[in-house]
Amino acid sequence: MHSIVDRRDEVQSAQAAVLMARLEDCEGAILSPATIRSIEYLLVELAADRPGGARPVAGHYGRSLCVEDIVSGDLQTGEGWSVDDVGYNFRHRFSIRGVEDPLRRHEMLFEMRYVITHATGEKSTVRFRVRMF
């Protein structure tokens, strides 16, 4: 499975972010909620100056999501989707409140990782990077 989305969007002083993608299997067929057993996510802060480079964000580690709430059986357009006219079938809104450090004067880079377990038991990962100022 892969996502065709490779966007470099930036979030400026936001309290929440919405991530969207078109999820397809390796043959290009659109995934539906019926083809996905479960989805878990974790949010990590990435930093070049930290050994290991990534730190899990409290409250966003190994969280299970309701598949039907974030994966649509049909492709959607609008609602912020500007990649193409075909549409998306994955949409997750999450809060990033409490992550900001008021003493920090530089941008913060996060990576959201979704581990998708398919109905077949196969697992795949979808990753998004979000930059906050």
Protein backbone atom coordinates (compact mmCIF):
# COMPACT_ATOMS: atom_id res chain seq x y z
CA MET A 1 0.00 0.00 0.00
CA HIS A 2 1.16 3.52 -0.66
CA SER A 3 -0.06 7.07 -0.63
CA ILE A 4 0.29 9.29 -3.66
CA VAL A 5 0.48 12.39 -1.49
CA ASP A 6 3.85 14.07 -1.04
CA ARG A 7 3.05 17.55 0.23
CA ARG A 8 5.21 19.97 2.16
CA ASP A 9 2.48 21.96 3.90
CA GLU A 10 3.30 24.13 6.85
CA VAL A 11 1.18 24.78 9.93
CA GLN A 12 1.65 28.22 11.43
CA SER A 13 0.74 28.59 15.13
CA ALA A 14 -1.98 25.98 14.77
CA GLN A 15 -3.67 24.03 17.53
CA ALA A 16 -4.76 21.27 15.16
CA ALA A 17 -3.85 19.77 11.83
CA VAL A 18 -5.75 17.80 9.19
CA LEU A 19 -3.88 15.17 7.18
CA MET A 20 -5.36 13.74 4.00
CA ALA A 21 -4.24 11.11 1.51
CA ARG A 22 -5.49 8.72 -1.09
CA LEU A 23 -4.78 5.21 0.18
CA GLU A 24 -4.28 2.54 -2.46
CA ASP A 25 -3.06 -1.04 -2.46
CA CYS A 26 0.01 -2.09 -4.45
CA GLU A 27 -2.18 -2.65 -7.53
CA GLY A 28 -3.66 0.86 -7.38
CA ALA A 29 -7.08 -0.13 -6.00
CA ILE A 30 -8.55 2.31 -3.51
CA LEU A 31 -8.62 1.01 0.07
CA SER A 32 -11.95 1.04 1.87
CA PRO A 33 -12.83 0.61 5.56
CA ALA A 34 -13.71 -3.03 4.82
CA THR A 35 -10.13 -3.73 3.69
CA ILE A 36 -8.55 -2.29 6.87
CA ARG A 37 -8.62 -4.08 10.23
CA SER A 38 -7.08 -1.30 12.34
CA ILE A 39 -5.10 1.94 12.31
CA GLU A 40 -2.76 3.17 15.03
CA TYR A 41 -0.75 6.36 14.98
CA LEU A 42 2.10 8.02 16.76
CA LEU A 43 3.33 11.59 16.59
CA VAL A 44 7.01 12.32 17.08
CA GLU A 45 8.93 15.57 17.23
CA LEU A 46 11.97 15.46 14.97
CA ALA A 47 15.13 17.30 15.98
CA ALA A 48 18.57 17.23 14.41
CA ASP A 49 20.20 18.24 17.71
CA ARG A 50 18.79 15.29 19.70
CA PRO A 51 20.43 11.83 19.79
CA GLY A 52 18.12 9.47 17.92
CA GLY A 53 16.50 12.49 16.29
CA ALA A 54 12.89 11.77 17.32
CA ARG A 55 10.87 12.13 20.52
CA PRO A 56 7.33 10.72 20.93
CA VAL A 57 4.76 13.39 21.79
CA ALA A 58 2.83 12.66 24.99
CA GLY A 59 -0.72 11.55 24.32
CA HIS A 60 0.02 10.65 20.69
CA TYR A 61 1.83 7.33 20.97
CA GLY A 62 0.25 4.05 19.85
CA ARG A 63 -3.23 5.57 19.67
CA SER A 64 -5.92 3.49 17.98
CA LEU A 65 -8.30 5.18 15.56
CA CYS A 66 -11.75 4.15 14.39
CA VAL A 67 -11.19 3.12 10.77
CA GLU A 68 -14.68 4.24 9.67
CA ASP A 69 -14.05 7.73 11.08
CA ILE A 70 -10.95 8.44 8.98
CA VAL A 71 -11.18 6.18 5.91
CA SER A 72 -13.96 6.74 3.42
CA GLY A 73 -15.34 4.11 1.07
CA ASP A 74 -15.51 6.72 -1.68
CA LEU A 75 -13.02 9.30 -2.88
CA GLN A 76 -13.77 12.81 -1.63
CA THR A 77 -12.81 16.22 -3.03
CA GLY A 78 -12.92 19.67 -1.48
CA GLU A 79 -12.42 20.30 2.24
CA GLY A 80 -8.82 21.38 1.67
CA TRP A 81 -7.82 18.75 -0.90
CA SER A 82 -5.82 20.50 -3.64
CA VAL A 83 -3.53 17.71 -4.85
CA ASP A 84 -5.68 16.65 -7.81
CA ASP A 85 -9.28 16.22 -8.99
CA VAL A 86 -9.40 12.51 -8.12
CA GLY A 87 -9.71 12.95 -4.36
CA TYR A 88 -8.79 11.42 -1.04
CA ASN A 89 -10.15 8.59 1.12
CA PHE A 90 -8.13 9.22 4.30
CA ARG A 91 -8.70 12.25 6.54
CA HIS A 92 -7.50 12.62 10.14
CA ARG A 93 -7.82 15.75 12.25
CA PHE A 94 -5.74 15.81 15.43
CA SER A 95 -4.95 18.35 18.12
CA ILE A 96 -1.39 19.40 18.84
CA ARG A 97 -2.18 21.59 21.84
CA GLY A 98 0.40 21.54 24.59
CA VAL A 99 3.22 20.58 22.24
CA GLU A 100 4.47 24.13 21.72
CA ASP A 101 7.37 25.30 23.84
CA PRO A 102 6.94 29.03 24.62
CA LEU A 103 10.72 29.42 25.06
CA ARG A 104 11.46 27.96 21.65
CA ARG A 105 12.08 30.54 18.95
CA HIS A 106 12.53 28.24 15.96
CA GLU A 107 10.33 26.00 13.90
CA MET A 108 9.30 22.55 15.08
CA LEU A 109 9.11 19.53 12.78
CA PHE A 110 6.78 16.62 13.53
CA GLU A 111 6.21 13.29 11.86
CA MET A 112 2.85 11.53 12.08
CA ARG A 113 3.14 7.78 11.49
CA TYR A 114 0.09 5.62 10.80
CA VAL A 115 0.44 1.86 11.04
CA ILE A 116 -2.35 0.28 9.02
CA THR A 117 -3.24 -3.36 9.55
CA HIS A 118 -5.08 -4.70 6.52
CA ALA A 119 -7.84 -7.31 6.68
CA THR A 120 -5.23 -9.78 5.39
CA GLY A 121 -2.99 -9.09 8.42
CA GLU A 122 -0.37 -7.27 6.33
CA LYS A 123 0.88 -4.02 7.85
CA SER A 124 1.92 -0.83 6.12
CA THR A 125 2.98 2.61 7.28
CA VAL A 126 1.97 6.05 6.02
CA ARG A 127 4.01 9.05 7.19
CA PHE A 128 3.37 12.77 7.09
CA ARG A 129 5.74 15.56 8.11
CA VAL A 130 4.26 18.73 9.59
CA ARG A 131 6.30 21.89 10.21
CA MET A 132 5.09 24.34 12.88
CA PHE A 133 6.37 27.87 13.37
